Protein backbone atom coordinates (compact mmCIF):
# COMPACT_ATOMS: atom_id res chain seq x y z
CA UNK A 1 17.61 -13.78 -190.87
CA UNK A 2 17.80 -13.29 -187.12
CA UNK A 3 20.09 -10.84 -185.40
CA UNK A 4 21.29 -10.47 -181.83
CA UNK A 5 18.86 -8.18 -180.10
CA UNK A 6 19.47 -5.78 -177.23
CA UNK A 7 17.33 -5.33 -174.16
CA UNK A 8 14.25 -3.15 -173.96
CA UNK A 9 15.34 0.30 -172.72
CA UNK A 10 12.07 0.81 -170.86
CA UNK A 11 12.22 -2.53 -169.03
CA UNK A 12 12.90 -2.27 -165.29
CA UNK A 13 15.65 -4.45 -163.85
CA UNK A 14 14.68 -6.79 -161.02
CA UNK A 15 18.25 -6.92 -159.76
CA UNK A 16 19.96 -3.58 -160.48
CA UNK A 17 23.62 -3.85 -161.52
CA UNK A 18 26.02 -2.00 -159.20
CA UNK A 19 29.00 -0.03 -160.51
CA UNK A 20 31.32 -2.46 -158.73
CA UNK A 21 29.90 -5.40 -160.68
CA UNK A 22 29.94 -3.44 -163.94
CA UNK A 23 33.75 -3.05 -163.90
CA UNK A 24 35.81 -6.10 -164.87
CA UNK A 25 38.09 -7.40 -162.13
CA UNK A 26 41.16 -7.05 -164.39
CA UNK A 27 40.25 -3.61 -165.74
CA UNK A 28 43.06 -1.08 -165.92
CA UNK A 29 40.90 1.45 -164.08
CA UNK A 30 41.19 -0.64 -160.90
CA UNK A 31 44.98 -0.37 -161.04
CA UNK A 32 44.74 3.41 -161.50
CA UNK A 33 42.53 3.57 -158.41
CA UNK A 34 44.99 1.53 -156.35
CA UNK A 35 47.99 3.49 -157.65
CA UNK A 36 46.61 6.89 -156.63
CA UNK A 37 45.41 5.57 -153.25
CA UNK A 38 48.95 4.32 -152.57
CA UNK A 39 50.35 7.88 -152.80
CA UNK A 40 50.67 10.29 -149.89
CA UNK A 41 49.18 13.24 -151.79
CA UNK A 42 49.56 15.70 -148.93
CA UNK A 43 53.28 14.94 -148.74
CA UNK A 44 53.50 15.49 -152.51
CA UNK A 45 52.12 19.01 -152.15
CA UNK A 46 48.47 18.55 -153.11
CA UNK A 47 46.11 20.62 -150.97
CA UNK A 48 44.10 18.22 -148.78
CA UNK A 49 42.87 20.68 -146.16
CA UNK A 50 40.12 23.17 -146.93
CA UNK A 51 38.02 25.54 -144.84
CA UNK A 52 34.84 24.11 -143.40
CA UNK A 53 32.77 27.10 -144.53
CA UNK A 54 31.41 27.27 -148.06
CA UNK A 55 30.91 24.56 -150.64
CA UNK A 56 33.02 21.40 -150.00
CA UNK A 57 36.00 20.88 -152.31
CA UNK A 58 36.85 17.79 -154.37
CA UNK A 59 39.59 15.62 -152.92
CA UNK A 60 42.78 15.79 -155.03
CA UNK A 61 42.90 11.99 -155.30
CA UNK A 62 39.63 12.01 -157.27
CA UNK A 63 40.82 14.68 -159.69
CA UNK A 64 44.22 12.99 -160.10
CA UNK A 65 42.52 9.67 -160.88
CA UNK A 66 40.33 11.44 -163.43
CA UNK A 67 43.32 13.03 -165.15
CA UNK A 68 45.40 9.84 -165.23
CA UNK A 69 42.49 7.85 -166.66
CA UNK A 70 41.79 10.61 -169.19
CA UNK A 71 45.37 10.94 -170.43
CA UNK A 72 45.78 7.17 -170.67
CA UNK A 73 42.67 7.13 -172.88
CA UNK A 74 43.61 10.12 -175.08
CA UNK A 75 41.30 12.60 -173.34
CA UNK A 76 43.00 15.58 -171.73
CA UNK A 77 40.72 18.59 -172.21
CA UNK A 78 38.85 19.65 -169.09
CA UNK A 79 35.56 19.70 -170.98
CA UNK A 80 36.20 16.24 -172.37
CA UNK A 81 36.92 14.95 -168.87
CA UNK A 82 33.79 16.67 -167.55
CA UNK A 83 31.77 14.84 -170.19
CA UNK A 84 33.41 11.52 -169.31
CA UNK A 85 32.23 11.90 -165.70
CA UNK A 86 28.64 11.72 -166.96
CA UNK A 87 28.98 9.15 -169.76
CA UNK A 88 31.89 6.81 -169.04
CA UNK A 89 30.98 4.00 -166.63
CA UNK A 90 34.64 3.37 -165.71
CA UNK A 91 35.07 7.04 -164.76
CA UNK A 92 31.86 6.89 -162.74
CA UNK A 93 33.27 3.93 -160.83
CA UNK A 94 36.71 5.52 -160.46
CA UNK A 95 35.54 8.77 -158.85
CA UNK A 96 32.32 7.40 -157.35
CA UNK A 97 29.95 9.25 -159.70
CA UNK A 98 31.35 12.67 -158.83
CA UNK A 99 30.78 15.28 -161.53
CA UNK A 100 33.30 18.17 -161.18
CA UNK A 101 32.88 20.99 -163.68
CA UNK A 102 35.52 21.78 -166.31
CA UNK A 103 36.87 24.81 -164.41
CA UNK A 104 37.55 22.71 -161.30
CA UNK A 105 39.24 20.06 -163.45
CA UNK A 106 41.35 22.61 -165.34
CA UNK A 107 42.39 24.49 -162.18
CA UNK A 108 43.65 21.27 -160.59
CA UNK A 109 46.18 20.78 -163.40
CA UNK A 110 47.07 24.47 -163.42
CA UNK A 111 47.77 24.68 -159.68
CA UNK A 112 49.69 21.43 -159.10
CA UNK A 113 52.74 21.47 -161.35
CA UNK A 114 55.25 20.49 -158.64
CA UNK A 115 52.94 17.90 -157.09
CA UNK A 116 52.37 16.27 -160.50
CA UNK A 117 56.14 16.08 -160.92
CA UNK A 118 56.31 14.07 -157.68
CA UNK A 119 53.64 11.70 -158.99
CA UNK A 120 55.86 11.13 -162.04
CA UNK A 121 58.80 10.48 -159.69
CA UNK A 122 56.62 7.91 -157.92
CA UNK A 123 56.23 5.97 -161.18
CA UNK A 124 60.02 5.94 -161.55
CA UNK A 125 60.33 4.66 -157.97
CA UNK A 126 57.88 1.85 -158.74
CA UNK A 127 59.90 0.92 -161.84
CA UNK A 128 63.10 0.86 -159.75
CA UNK A 129 61.39 -1.26 -157.07
CA UNK A 130 60.51 -3.94 -159.65
CA UNK A 131 63.96 -3.74 -161.31
CA UNK A 132 62.58 -2.29 -164.55
CA UNK A 133 65.36 0.29 -164.74
CA UNK A 134 68.84 -0.94 -165.64
CA UNK A 135 70.66 2.26 -164.73
CA UNK A 136 73.73 1.48 -166.85
CA UNK A 137 72.74 3.02 -170.19
CA UNK A 138 70.42 5.98 -170.82
CA UNK A 139 69.63 8.05 -173.88
CA UNK A 140 68.76 11.72 -173.92
CA UNK A 141 66.95 13.75 -176.51
CA UNK A 142 64.29 16.42 -176.88
CA UNK A 143 61.03 16.79 -178.71
CA UNK A 144 59.14 19.93 -179.69
CA UNK A 145 55.53 20.16 -178.53
CA UNK A 146 53.60 22.90 -180.29
CA UNK A 147 52.31 25.63 -177.96
CA UNK A 148 48.93 27.37 -177.99
CA UNK A 149 50.48 30.31 -179.82
CA UNK A 150 50.40 30.74 -183.59
CA UNK A 151 53.40 31.91 -185.62
CA UNK A 152 51.34 34.99 -186.40
CA UNK A 153 51.40 35.95 -182.70
CA UNK A 154 55.14 35.46 -182.29
CA UNK A 155 57.42 38.43 -182.91
CA UNK A 156 61.11 39.30 -183.10
CA UNK A 157 62.69 42.65 -183.89
CA UNK A 158 63.04 41.89 -187.59
CA UNK A 159 59.36 40.94 -187.90
CA UNK A 160 58.23 44.05 -186.01
CA UNK A 161 60.43 46.27 -188.22
CA UNK A 162 58.95 44.62 -191.31
CA UNK A 163 55.37 45.27 -190.16
CA UNK A 164 56.13 48.87 -189.17
CA UNK A 165 57.79 49.53 -192.55
CA UNK A 166 54.74 48.11 -194.34
CA UNK A 167 52.42 50.34 -192.27
CA UNK A 168 54.57 53.43 -192.96
CA UNK A 169 54.37 52.76 -196.71
CA UNK A 170 50.59 52.35 -196.48
CA UNK A 171 50.28 55.59 -194.52
CA UNK A 172 52.27 57.44 -197.21
CA UNK A 173 50.01 56.00 -199.91
CA UNK A 174 46.85 57.02 -198.04
CA UNK A 175 48.20 60.52 -197.40
CA UNK A 176 48.86 60.93 -201.14
CA UNK A 177 45.34 59.71 -201.87
CA UNK A 178 43.98 62.17 -199.32
CA UNK A 179 45.73 65.09 -201.05
CA UNK A 180 44.32 64.11 -204.44
CA UNK A 181 40.80 63.39 -203.15
CA UNK A 182 38.38 66.30 -203.54
CA UNK A 183 35.26 64.55 -202.24
CA UNK A 184 34.37 62.49 -199.18
CA UNK A 185 37.59 61.07 -197.67
CA UNK A 186 36.00 59.19 -194.77
CA UNK A 187 37.15 55.75 -196.02
CA UNK A 188 40.73 56.93 -196.45
CA UNK A 189 40.80 58.52 -192.99
CA UNK A 190 39.45 55.32 -191.45
CA UNK A 191 42.26 53.36 -193.12
CA UNK A 192 44.83 55.83 -191.80
CA UNK A 193 43.45 55.54 -188.25
CA UNK A 194 43.46 51.74 -188.51
CA UNK A 195 47.12 51.63 -189.59
CA UNK A 196 48.17 54.15 -186.96
CA UNK A 197 46.50 52.04 -184.26
CA UNK A 198 48.31 48.94 -185.52
CA UNK A 199 51.60 50.83 -185.54
CA UNK A 200 51.08 51.74 -181.87
CA UNK A 201 50.51 48.05 -181.07
CA UNK A 202 53.75 47.05 -182.80
CA UNK A 203 55.66 49.77 -180.97
CA UNK A 204 54.29 48.45 -177.67
CA UNK A 205 55.45 44.94 -178.64
CA UNK A 206 58.86 46.36 -179.51
CA UNK A 207 59.06 47.96 -176.06
CA UNK A 208 58.10 44.66 -174.37
CA UNK A 209 60.73 42.85 -176.43
CA UNK A 210 63.46 45.30 -175.44
CA UNK A 211 62.48 45.23 -171.76
CA UNK A 212 62.44 41.42 -171.67
CA UNK A 213 65.95 41.18 -173.21
CA UNK A 214 64.67 38.18 -175.19
CA UNK A 215 65.15 37.57 -178.91
CA UNK A 216 61.43 36.99 -179.46
CA UNK A 217 58.07 37.45 -177.76
CA UNK A 218 54.82 35.46 -177.93
CA UNK A 219 51.50 37.12 -177.14
CA UNK A 220 49.21 34.09 -176.48
CA UNK A 221 51.67 31.96 -174.48
CA UNK A 222 54.48 34.27 -173.33
CA UNK A 223 57.01 31.52 -172.50
CA UNK A 224 56.74 29.67 -175.82
CA UNK A 225 59.35 30.27 -178.53
CA UNK A 226 59.60 29.77 -182.27
CA UNK A 227 61.97 26.84 -182.86
CA UNK A 228 63.14 24.69 -185.74
CA UNK A 229 61.37 21.34 -185.57
CA UNK A 230 62.84 19.59 -188.61
CA UNK A 231 64.20 20.46 -192.07
CA UNK A 232 64.10 24.20 -191.29
CA UNK A 233 60.36 24.01 -190.50
CA UNK A 234 59.58 26.18 -187.48
CA UNK A 235 56.84 26.06 -184.88
CA UNK A 236 56.05 28.12 -181.79
CA UNK A 237 56.67 25.40 -179.24
CA UNK A 238 58.20 24.13 -176.03
CA UNK A 239 61.28 21.91 -176.06
CA UNK A 240 60.91 18.87 -173.76
CA UNK A 241 64.22 17.31 -172.63
CA UNK A 242 63.97 13.64 -171.68
CA UNK A 243 66.24 10.95 -170.19
CA UNK A 244 65.16 7.38 -170.98
CA UNK A 245 66.55 4.17 -169.49
CA UNK A 246 67.62 1.42 -171.88
CA UNK A 247 66.17 -1.66 -170.13
CA UNK A 248 62.44 -1.08 -170.73
CA UNK A 249 62.46 2.34 -172.44
CA UNK A 250 61.11 4.03 -169.31
CA UNK A 251 61.65 7.82 -169.00
CA UNK A 252 63.37 8.61 -165.71
CA UNK A 253 63.32 12.39 -166.05
CA UNK A 254 61.92 15.22 -168.15
CA UNK A 255 62.27 18.98 -168.25
CA UNK A 256 60.18 21.50 -170.21
CA UNK A 257 62.29 24.32 -171.69
CA UNK A 258 61.99 27.03 -174.32
CA UNK A 259 65.62 26.83 -175.49
CA UNK A 260 67.48 24.60 -177.91
CA UNK A 261 69.60 21.54 -177.08
CA UNK A 262 73.07 23.11 -177.11
CA UNK A 263 73.28 23.77 -173.36
CA UNK A 264 70.96 21.04 -172.06
CA UNK A 265 73.15 17.94 -171.70
CA UNK A 266 75.04 18.85 -168.51
CA UNK A 267 71.91 19.72 -166.54
CA UNK A 268 70.07 16.57 -167.68
CA UNK A 269 73.07 14.40 -166.76
CA UNK A 270 73.20 15.89 -163.27
CA UNK A 271 69.47 15.28 -162.82
CA UNK A 272 69.79 11.70 -164.10
CA UNK A 273 72.61 10.96 -161.65
CA UNK A 274 70.32 12.07 -158.80
CA UNK A 275 67.47 9.87 -160.02
CA UNK A 276 69.74 6.83 -160.39
CA UNK A 277 71.70 7.73 -157.22
CA UNK A 278 75.03 7.14 -159.00
CA UNK A 279 77.11 8.27 -161.96
CA UNK A 280 78.10 4.80 -163.19
CA UNK A 281 76.18 4.97 -166.43
CA UNK A 282 76.73 5.91 -170.07
CA UNK A 283 74.57 8.56 -171.74
CA UNK A 284 73.86 8.76 -175.48
CA UNK A 285 73.00 12.04 -177.24
CA UNK A 286 72.71 13.24 -180.83
CA UNK A 287 74.87 15.91 -182.45
CA UNK A 288 72.60 18.76 -181.31
CA UNK A 289 74.15 18.33 -177.84
CA UNK A 290 77.76 18.48 -179.08
CA UNK A 291 79.00 21.49 -177.08
CA UNK A 292 82.45 21.78 -175.46
CA UNK A 293 81.25 23.26 -172.18
CA UNK A 294 78.71 20.41 -171.81
CA UNK A 295 81.50 17.88 -172.20
CA UNK A 296 83.18 19.76 -169.37
CA UNK A 297 80.07 19.34 -167.19
CA UNK A 298 79.93 15.62 -167.99
CA UNK A 299 83.60 15.25 -167.04
CA UNK A 300 83.04 17.06 -163.72
CA UNK A 301 80.13 14.72 -162.97
CA UNK A 302 82.23 11.66 -163.86
CA UNK A 303 79.67 10.42 -166.41
CA UNK A 304 80.64 8.74 -169.69
CA UNK A 305 78.89 10.18 -172.74
CA UNK A 306 78.68 9.26 -176.42
CA UNK A 307 77.59 12.26 -178.48
CA UNK A 308 77.26 12.15 -182.27
CA UNK A 309 79.95 14.10 -184.10
CA UNK A 310 78.57 16.99 -186.20
CA UNK A 311 79.95 17.97 -189.57
CA UNK A 312 82.89 20.42 -189.43
CA UNK A 313 81.58 24.03 -189.27
CA UNK A 314 83.97 25.18 -192.00
CA UNK A 315 85.63 23.28 -194.81
CA UNK A 316 88.74 24.02 -196.81
CA UNK A 317 88.45 24.41 -200.61
CA UNK A 318 90.17 21.01 -200.82
CA UNK A 319 88.92 18.44 -198.21
CA UNK A 320 92.49 17.25 -197.81
CA UNK A 321 93.20 20.46 -195.87
CA UNK A 322 90.26 20.33 -193.46
CA UNK A 323 91.21 20.98 -189.82
CA UNK A 324 90.44 17.34 -189.01
CA UNK A 325 93.47 16.37 -191.14
CA UNK A 326 95.84 18.59 -189.11
CA UNK A 327 97.65 16.49 -186.49
CA UNK A 328 97.91 17.92 -182.97
CA UNK A 329 100.98 17.23 -180.81
CA UNK A 330 99.85 17.55 -177.19
CA UNK A 331 103.43 17.49 -175.87
CA UNK A 332 104.68 20.31 -178.12
CA UNK A 333 101.29 22.08 -178.21
CA UNK A 334 101.30 22.54 -181.98
CA UNK A 335 99.57 21.38 -185.15
CA UNK A 336 101.20 19.84 -188.23
CA UNK A 337 99.49 20.59 -191.53
CA UNK A 338 99.28 18.10 -194.47
CA UNK A 339 102.28 19.91 -196.03
CA UNK A 340 104.40 19.17 -192.96
CA UNK A 341 104.52 22.71 -191.56
CA UNK A 342 103.96 23.52 -187.86
CA UNK A 343 101.20 25.82 -186.65
CA UNK A 344 102.13 27.23 -183.23
CA UNK A 345 100.50 29.44 -180.62
CA UNK A 346 101.63 32.33 -178.47
CA UNK A 347 99.96 30.60 -175.51
CA UNK A 348 97.47 33.41 -175.08
CA UNK A 349 93.89 32.41 -174.23
CA UNK A 350 91.17 34.28 -176.11
CA UNK A 351 87.65 34.59 -174.74
CA UNK A 352 84.65 33.54 -176.80
CA UNK A 353 81.06 33.81 -175.51
CA UNK A 354 81.06 30.59 -173.50
CA UNK A 355 84.60 29.21 -173.71
CA UNK A 356 88.29 30.09 -174.06
CA UNK A 357 90.54 29.12 -176.95
CA UNK A 358 94.11 29.38 -178.24
CA UNK A 359 94.94 30.31 -181.84
CA UNK A 360 97.51 28.42 -183.94
CA UNK A 361 99.11 29.94 -187.08
CA UNK A 362 102.28 29.83 -189.20
CA UNK A 363 103.98 32.54 -191.27
CA UNK A 364 104.86 29.96 -193.93
CA UNK A 365 101.21 29.81 -194.95
CA UNK A 366 101.47 32.96 -197.12
CA UNK A 367 104.09 31.53 -199.46
CA UNK A 368 102.73 27.98 -199.44
CA UNK A 369 101.81 26.68 -202.94
CA UNK A 370 98.81 24.85 -201.42
CA UNK A 371 97.39 27.99 -199.76
CA UNK A 372 94.50 28.36 -202.24
CA UNK A 373 93.47 24.74 -201.52
CA UNK A 374 93.81 25.17 -197.75
CA UNK A 375 92.15 28.51 -196.94
CA UNK A 376 90.60 31.65 -198.39
CA UNK A 377 91.98 33.81 -195.56
CA UNK A 378 94.34 36.53 -196.75
CA UNK A 379 97.07 35.91 -194.14
CA UNK A 380 96.81 32.12 -194.03
CA UNK A 381 95.03 29.47 -192.04
CA UNK A 382 94.30 29.87 -188.33
CA UNK A 383 93.11 27.08 -186.04
CA UNK A 384 91.19 27.75 -182.84
CA UNK A 385 91.64 25.11 -180.15
CA UNK A 386 88.96 25.19 -177.46
CA UNK A 387 89.78 24.58 -173.79
CA UNK A 388 87.46 21.57 -174.11
CA UNK A 389 89.11 20.13 -177.23
CA UNK A 390 90.69 17.21 -175.34
CA UNK A 391 87.23 16.12 -174.14
CA UNK A 392 85.81 16.59 -177.64
CA UNK A 393 88.56 14.39 -179.09
CA UNK A 394 87.98 11.79 -176.37
CA UNK A 395 84.27 11.66 -177.27
CA UNK A 396 85.13 11.27 -180.95
CA UNK A 397 87.37 8.28 -180.22
CA UNK A 398 84.71 6.69 -177.98
CA UNK A 399 81.99 7.04 -180.62
CA UNK A 400 84.19 5.64 -183.39
CA UNK A 401 85.30 2.70 -181.21
CA UNK A 402 81.81 1.87 -179.90
CA UNK A 403 79.39 2.49 -182.75
CA UNK A 404 77.22 -0.48 -181.72
CA UNK A 405 76.34 1.18 -178.40
CA UNK A 406 75.65 4.56 -179.95
CA UNK A 407 73.30 3.02 -182.53
CA UNK A 408 70.97 2.09 -179.64
CA UNK A 409 70.25 5.77 -178.90
CA UNK A 410 67.38 6.28 -181.30
CA UNK A 411 65.64 3.01 -180.39
CA UNK A 412 65.79 3.93 -176.69
CA UNK A 413 64.75 7.55 -176.60
CA UNK A 414 62.36 7.65 -179.58
CA UNK A 415 60.22 4.87 -178.11
CA UNK A 416 58.29 7.17 -175.70
CA UNK A 417 58.02 9.95 -178.27
CA UNK A 418 56.52 7.59 -180.85
CA UNK A 419 53.86 6.44 -178.40
CA UNK A 420 53.07 9.88 -177.00
CA UNK A 421 53.02 11.85 -180.25
CA UNK A 422 51.98 9.34 -182.91
CA UNK A 423 49.83 6.82 -181.04
CA UNK A 424 48.27 9.09 -178.41
CA UNK A 425 48.26 12.22 -180.56
CA UNK A 426 49.86 14.43 -177.89
CA UNK A 427 52.01 16.45 -180.31
CA UNK A 428 51.05 19.79 -178.76
CA UNK A 429 50.58 21.48 -175.40
CA UNK A 430 46.88 21.96 -174.64
CA UNK A 431 47.37 24.54 -171.87
CA UNK A 432 48.11 28.25 -172.28
CA UNK A 433 50.03 30.86 -170.34
CA UNK A 434 53.51 30.05 -169.08
CA UNK A 435 55.93 27.19 -168.81
CA UNK A 436 54.69 25.93 -165.41
CA UNK A 437 51.34 24.93 -166.87
CA UNK A 438 53.06 23.31 -169.84
CA UNK A 439 55.26 21.39 -167.40
CA UNK A 440 52.18 20.15 -165.50
CA UNK A 441 50.73 18.86 -168.76
CA UNK A 442 53.95 17.12 -169.78
CA UNK A 443 54.21 15.68 -166.27
CA UNK A 444 50.80 14.03 -166.67
CA UNK A 445 51.76 12.73 -170.13
CA UNK A 446 54.97 11.07 -168.92
CA UNK A 447 53.31 9.83 -165.73
CA UNK A 448 50.68 8.05 -167.80
CA UNK A 449 53.28 6.72 -170.21
CA UNK A 450 55.24 5.18 -167.33
CA UNK A 451 52.08 3.77 -165.75
CA UNK A 452 51.08 2.17 -169.06
CA UNK A 453 54.58 0.66 -169.48
CA UNK A 454 54.56 -0.73 -165.95
CA UNK A 455 51.02 -2.12 -166.35
CA UNK A 456 52.04 -3.83 -169.61
CA UNK A 457 55.24 -5.34 -168.23
CA UNK A 458 54.19 -6.56 -164.77
CA UNK A 459 51.50 -9.02 -163.76
CA UNK A 460 48.36 -7.24 -162.59
CA UNK A 461 48.03 -9.34 -159.43
CA UNK A 462 51.58 -8.45 -158.38
CA UNK A 463 50.82 -4.76 -158.91
CA UNK A 464 47.56 -5.00 -156.97
CA UNK A 465 49.34 -6.56 -153.98
CA UNK A 466 52.06 -3.90 -154.12
CA UNK A 467 49.62 -0.97 -154.32
CA UNK A 468 47.44 -2.39 -151.54
CA UNK A 469 50.44 -2.73 -149.21
CA UNK A 470 51.49 0.85 -150.00
CA UNK A 471 47.92 2.07 -149.46
CA UNK A 472 47.76 0.43 -146.02
CA UNK A 473 51.02 2.15 -145.11
CA UNK A 474 49.71 5.57 -146.23
CA UNK A 475 46.43 5.13 -144.37
CA UNK A 476 48.32 4.03 -141.24
CA UNK A 477 50.55 7.12 -141.36
CA UNK A 478 47.53 9.40 -141.80
CA UNK A 479 45.71 7.62 -138.96
CA UNK A 480 48.68 8.05 -136.61
CA UNK A 481 49.02 11.74 -137.45
CA UNK A 482 45.32 12.35 -136.83
CA UNK A 483 45.46 10.33 -133.59
CA UNK A 484 48.38 12.41 -132.31
CA UNK A 485 46.53 15.61 -133.11
CA UNK A 486 43.38 14.37 -131.34
CA UNK A 487 45.38 13.38 -128.25
CA UNK A 488 47.17 16.70 -128.26
CA UNK A 489 43.90 18.66 -128.39
CA UNK A 490 42.36 16.52 -125.64
CA UNK A 491 45.34 16.86 -123.29
CA UNK A 492 45.66 20.58 -123.90
CA UNK A 493 41.99 20.92 -122.99
CA UNK A 494 42.26 18.88 -119.78
CA UNK A 495 45.52 20.44 -118.63
CA UNK A 496 44.47 24.08 -118.82
CA UNK A 497 45.31 24.58 -115.16
CA UNK A 498 48.85 23.27 -115.55
CA UNK A 499 51.86 25.48 -116.19
CA UNK A 500 53.01 26.42 -119.69
CA UNK A 501 56.25 24.44 -119.34
CA UNK A 502 54.30 21.36 -118.29
CA UNK A 503 52.01 21.67 -121.34
CA UNK A 504 54.96 22.05 -123.73
CA UNK A 505 56.69 18.98 -122.33
CA UNK A 506 53.51 16.91 -122.72
CA UNK A 507 53.09 18.11 -126.34
CA UNK A 508 56.63 17.12 -127.23
CA UNK A 509 56.12 13.70 -125.70
CA UNK A 510 52.93 13.08 -127.74
CA UNK A 511 54.38 14.33 -131.06
CA UNK A 512 57.41 12.07 -130.57
C-alpha cells in the first residue's frame, strides 16, 4: 500500500519559498499585523523613543503583535512566546524573524498596563465604528481569576493566631522533653530553634497586617485576596468586573479588583456611560450587586438597572410574618403588620456603616398573640428602613414586571467568560506582584477576545480596507510631525544670527 510521502529534508530548493508566500492571504495573522499598524502607539503611551547609545531596542509594535498573536492562540508565557519566535512560521512573518528573549517579552507586558488598556479601548472603538455595539442593554458581572499565590501563603489574623498557638504548644512540649532528657539534646534544641524562627516570621506577618489595615495579606502576590469563588470554595484571586454589550456579546469595559461585588455596580455604570457616551441604557446585574448605596449611584447617573433580588437576610418563625409581608404607607410613613397593627418611627435617622436608616416599632407587639410566630426579639419586632429603600422597591417592581429582559443577563455576560476560561484556559493570572501587572494581563485577554469576535463577525476584506486606511492616517501624522521637527531644526540652525524673539515667532509658525 502506498502512502503520501514528504519531501527529502536534505534536498536543496531551486526556488526558495519566502515568508510572504508561506502565509495564506486570508490568515488571521495578517489582520493582527494590520490592526497593530493602524494604532498610534506613541499616543497610547508605548515608549517609541530610545537612546542611540547601547543595544537597539525592539519596537513596541513588534512585541504587541507577538502578544496578541500569542494570547489568541493560547500562548501567554514569555518563554512560550520566545519559543514561538523560533518555531512558528506565522510569528516569524509577523515580527519579521525577530527573536526577543523572554525577559524583554515579559517586561513589555509588565511596563505597559495603561497603554494596553488603550489598545483594548481601540477594539471597542472599532466595534462601535462597525455598529457591533447596540448600547441599549448591557450586562455586568465579575469572574475570579486565580492569582499566583497559594492559600498557604495567604494570612489573616485568625490564621496567624492559630499558627502561633500551635508553635507555642510545640515549644512547651519540647521544653518538657528537654527537662526529661539526660543525654544528647541536640535534636530537641534544633526543633526549638526552628519553631522560634517560624514564630518570628508569623509575628512579622502580623505586624505587616496591622500596618496595612487590611483583613488579609498575601506574600507571593501582595494585592491578591482570598475570595469565595462558588459554593463556599475559596481561592486567592483577583476579581475582574466586566460590562458586556448585548448585541454581539462584546465587552466594552473591564476592571481588575481585589474586592467583592457589593460596591462595584455604581463605578462600572459610570465607566460604561463614558464608553457609550450616554446613559440611555439598561444594565443587568445578579444579586451580588444588590446594595442600597449602589442603587443611589445608579439613580444619580440616570441609568436604569435590573438587579436580582436576594433572599431576605432574616426570616420570621412563620413566613407569613416576614418583613416583605408588612405593607408600607409612604404618605403616613408607617408599616402595617399582617395583624393590622401600625409600626411607626420617631423620625430619627440612625447611622449604619454605609447608609442611614429609620426604625419602626409598635408597643402592641409585646401582648400580641402572634408574637412568637413573628419575632424572637424580647421587646417585639423592629423594622429598619434604609434611605435607599424606595430605590430598592423600584428595582424589585422592575424585575418582577420585566423578567424576560433580566433572563438575558447570563447569556450576555457569561459568553466572554466561557470562551476565556473554558475554551482558552485562561482561568488564572500568569503574572505576579501587584494588581497593575494583573490588569495588563487581563487587558491583553479582553483585547484578544474582542479582536477574535470582530474578526469572526466582519468580512476580512472590509477589515483589511479599514485597517489600511487607518494605517495610512497614522503614518501621515507621524510623517508630518517628523517633517515639522526637521524644518524646525534646519531653521534654528540657519537663523542663529537672528534675535530670540524672531526665532520664537518662526518656531510657532512652523509648529502650527
